[in-house]
Amino acid sequence: QVQLVESGGGLVQAGGSLRLSCVASGGTFTSYSMAWFRQVLGKERDFVAAISWSGGTTYYPDSVKGRFIISRDNAKNTVYLQMNSLKLEDTAVYYCAAGGPALTPVVARKTSFFDYWGQGTQVTVSS
């Protein structure tokens, strides 16, 4: 059983940056692909970024490509999401997720691929 704890959310002005962190415990970190999703109240949880177990492969939707960077430090059991050039529409609760090692461009975007989820951290972008 893997536990995930996110941190780093907060209030930031449009155009600013934030870095989210997610620390994993209770499992073998390198067994898992990792991802970030986000959700606005009343809407579906949307894919933001994913990274393979080694960190060698990453995926992003067009909405954040070029602005967000996902990375991981396997020695620290931590995955990060660096968010730059933030926009009002990036406001959401951000969730960290862990899934199996066989990450592909298709499954990376599906919540059903990920077995473990954190509690979420709020990111609010103001004008």
Protein backbone atom coordinates (compact mmCIF):
# COMPACT_ATOMS: atom_id res chain seq x y z
CA GLN A 1 0.00 0.00 0.00
CA VAL A 2 1.39 3.35 -1.07
CA GLN A 3 0.66 6.60 0.70
CA LEU A 4 1.09 9.87 -1.17
CA VAL A 5 1.30 13.29 0.44
CA GLU A 6 1.29 16.44 -1.66
CA SER A 7 2.55 19.86 -0.63
CA GLY A 8 3.46 23.18 -2.19
CA GLY A 9 0.09 24.50 -3.22
CA GLY A 10 -1.02 28.03 -2.51
CA LEU A 11 -2.04 31.38 -3.94
CA VAL A 12 0.00 32.85 -6.78
CA GLN A 13 -0.50 35.66 -9.26
CA ALA A 14 -0.97 34.96 -12.92
CA GLY A 15 2.40 34.58 -14.61
CA GLY A 16 4.01 33.29 -11.44
CA SER A 17 5.42 29.90 -10.53
CA LEU A 18 4.85 27.17 -7.97
CA ARG A 19 6.47 23.83 -7.33
CA LEU A 20 4.40 20.97 -5.99
CA SER A 21 5.94 17.99 -4.24
CA CYS A 22 4.57 14.54 -3.55
CA VAL A 23 6.28 12.17 -1.15
CA ALA A 24 5.53 8.46 -1.39
CA SER A 25 5.80 5.91 1.38
CA GLY A 26 4.86 2.29 1.98
CA GLY A 27 6.00 0.88 -1.34
CA THR A 28 8.90 0.57 -3.74
CA PHE A 29 8.91 3.95 -5.42
CA THR A 30 10.71 2.77 -8.54
CA SER A 31 7.91 0.27 -9.19
CA TYR A 32 5.53 3.09 -10.00
CA SER A 33 4.85 5.51 -12.76
CA MET A 34 3.79 8.82 -11.25
CA ALA A 35 1.42 11.51 -12.40
CA TRP A 36 -0.32 14.72 -11.53
CA PHE A 37 -3.98 15.38 -12.18
CA ARG A 38 -6.13 18.36 -11.30
CA GLN A 39 -9.76 18.88 -10.57
CA VAL A 40 -12.10 21.83 -10.35
CA LEU A 41 -15.19 21.42 -8.20
CA GLY A 42 -17.97 19.85 -10.21
CA LYS A 43 -15.72 18.78 -13.08
CA GLU A 44 -13.77 15.68 -13.99
CA ARG A 45 -10.23 15.08 -12.85
CA ASP A 46 -7.90 16.10 -15.68
CA PHE A 47 -4.47 14.81 -16.62
CA VAL A 48 -1.61 17.27 -16.07
CA ALA A 49 1.65 15.31 -16.34
CA ALA A 50 3.10 11.82 -16.01
CA ILE A 51 6.56 10.36 -15.63
CA SER A 52 7.91 6.85 -16.03
CA TRP A 53 9.47 4.93 -13.15
CA SER A 54 12.97 5.87 -14.30
CA GLY A 55 12.14 9.48 -15.04
CA GLY A 56 13.22 9.02 -18.62
CA THR A 57 9.82 9.54 -20.20
CA THR A 58 7.29 12.28 -19.55
CA TYR A 59 3.89 13.16 -20.97
CA TYR A 60 1.85 16.35 -20.90
CA PRO A 61 -1.42 17.57 -22.36
CA ASP A 62 -1.23 20.54 -24.71
CA SER A 63 -2.75 22.80 -22.06
CA VAL A 64 0.40 22.71 -19.90
CA LYS A 65 3.13 21.64 -22.33
CA GLY A 66 6.01 24.10 -22.24
CA ARG A 67 4.88 25.56 -18.91
CA PHE A 68 4.87 22.59 -16.50
CA ILE A 69 7.67 20.14 -15.81
CA ILE A 70 7.32 16.85 -13.97
CA SER A 71 10.36 15.25 -12.41
CA ARG A 72 11.18 12.67 -9.78
CA ASP A 73 13.93 11.93 -7.31
CA ASN A 74 13.89 8.20 -6.69
CA ALA A 75 16.36 8.51 -3.84
CA LYS A 76 13.88 10.74 -2.00
CA ASN A 77 10.68 8.93 -3.07
CA THR A 78 9.42 12.25 -4.37
CA VAL A 79 7.81 13.52 -7.54
CA TYR A 80 7.65 17.21 -8.39
CA LEU A 81 5.57 19.45 -10.59
CA GLN A 82 7.18 22.74 -11.52
CA MET A 83 4.49 25.09 -12.76
CA ASN A 84 5.54 28.23 -14.61
CA SER A 85 3.64 31.00 -16.38
CA LEU A 86 0.56 30.13 -14.39
CA LYS A 87 -2.83 31.11 -15.76
CA LEU A 88 -6.18 31.67 -14.09
CA GLU A 89 -7.42 28.43 -15.62
CA ASP A 90 -4.73 26.47 -13.77
CA THR A 91 -6.67 27.02 -10.54
CA ALA A 92 -7.65 23.59 -9.19
CA VAL A 93 -6.91 20.96 -6.61
CA TYR A 94 -3.83 19.07 -7.74
CA TYR A 95 -3.52 15.36 -7.03
CA CYS A 96 -0.50 13.12 -7.12
CA ALA A 97 -1.03 9.55 -8.32
CA ALA A 98 0.96 6.31 -8.55
CA GLY A 99 0.39 3.59 -11.11
CA GLY A 100 2.05 0.56 -12.63
CA PRO A 101 5.40 0.71 -14.43
CA ALA A 102 4.03 0.20 -17.96
CA LEU A 103 3.36 3.84 -18.74
CA THR A 104 2.22 4.70 -22.27
CA PRO A 105 0.91 7.91 -23.81
CA VAL A 106 -2.61 6.47 -23.70
CA VAL A 107 -2.79 5.13 -20.15
CA ALA A 108 -0.93 8.11 -18.70
CA ARG A 109 -4.04 10.22 -19.29
CA LYS A 110 -6.45 7.85 -17.58
CA THR A 111 -7.30 8.06 -13.88
CA SER A 112 -8.10 4.33 -13.96
CA PHE A 113 -4.42 3.47 -14.60
CA PHE A 114 -3.38 4.92 -11.25
CA ASP A 115 -4.05 2.89 -8.13
CA TYR A 116 -2.98 5.31 -5.42
CA TRP A 117 -3.87 8.95 -4.88
CA GLY A 118 -2.90 11.71 -2.53
CA GLN A 119 -5.31 13.98 -0.73
CA GLY A 120 -4.70 16.92 -3.05
CA THR A 121 -3.29 20.40 -2.69
CA GLN A 122 -5.07 23.59 -3.71
CA VAL A 123 -3.52 25.87 -6.30
CA THR A 124 -5.19 29.23 -6.81
CA VAL A 125 -4.04 31.62 -9.51
CA SER A 126 -5.22 35.21 -9.13
CA SER A 127 -5.28 38.09 -11.58
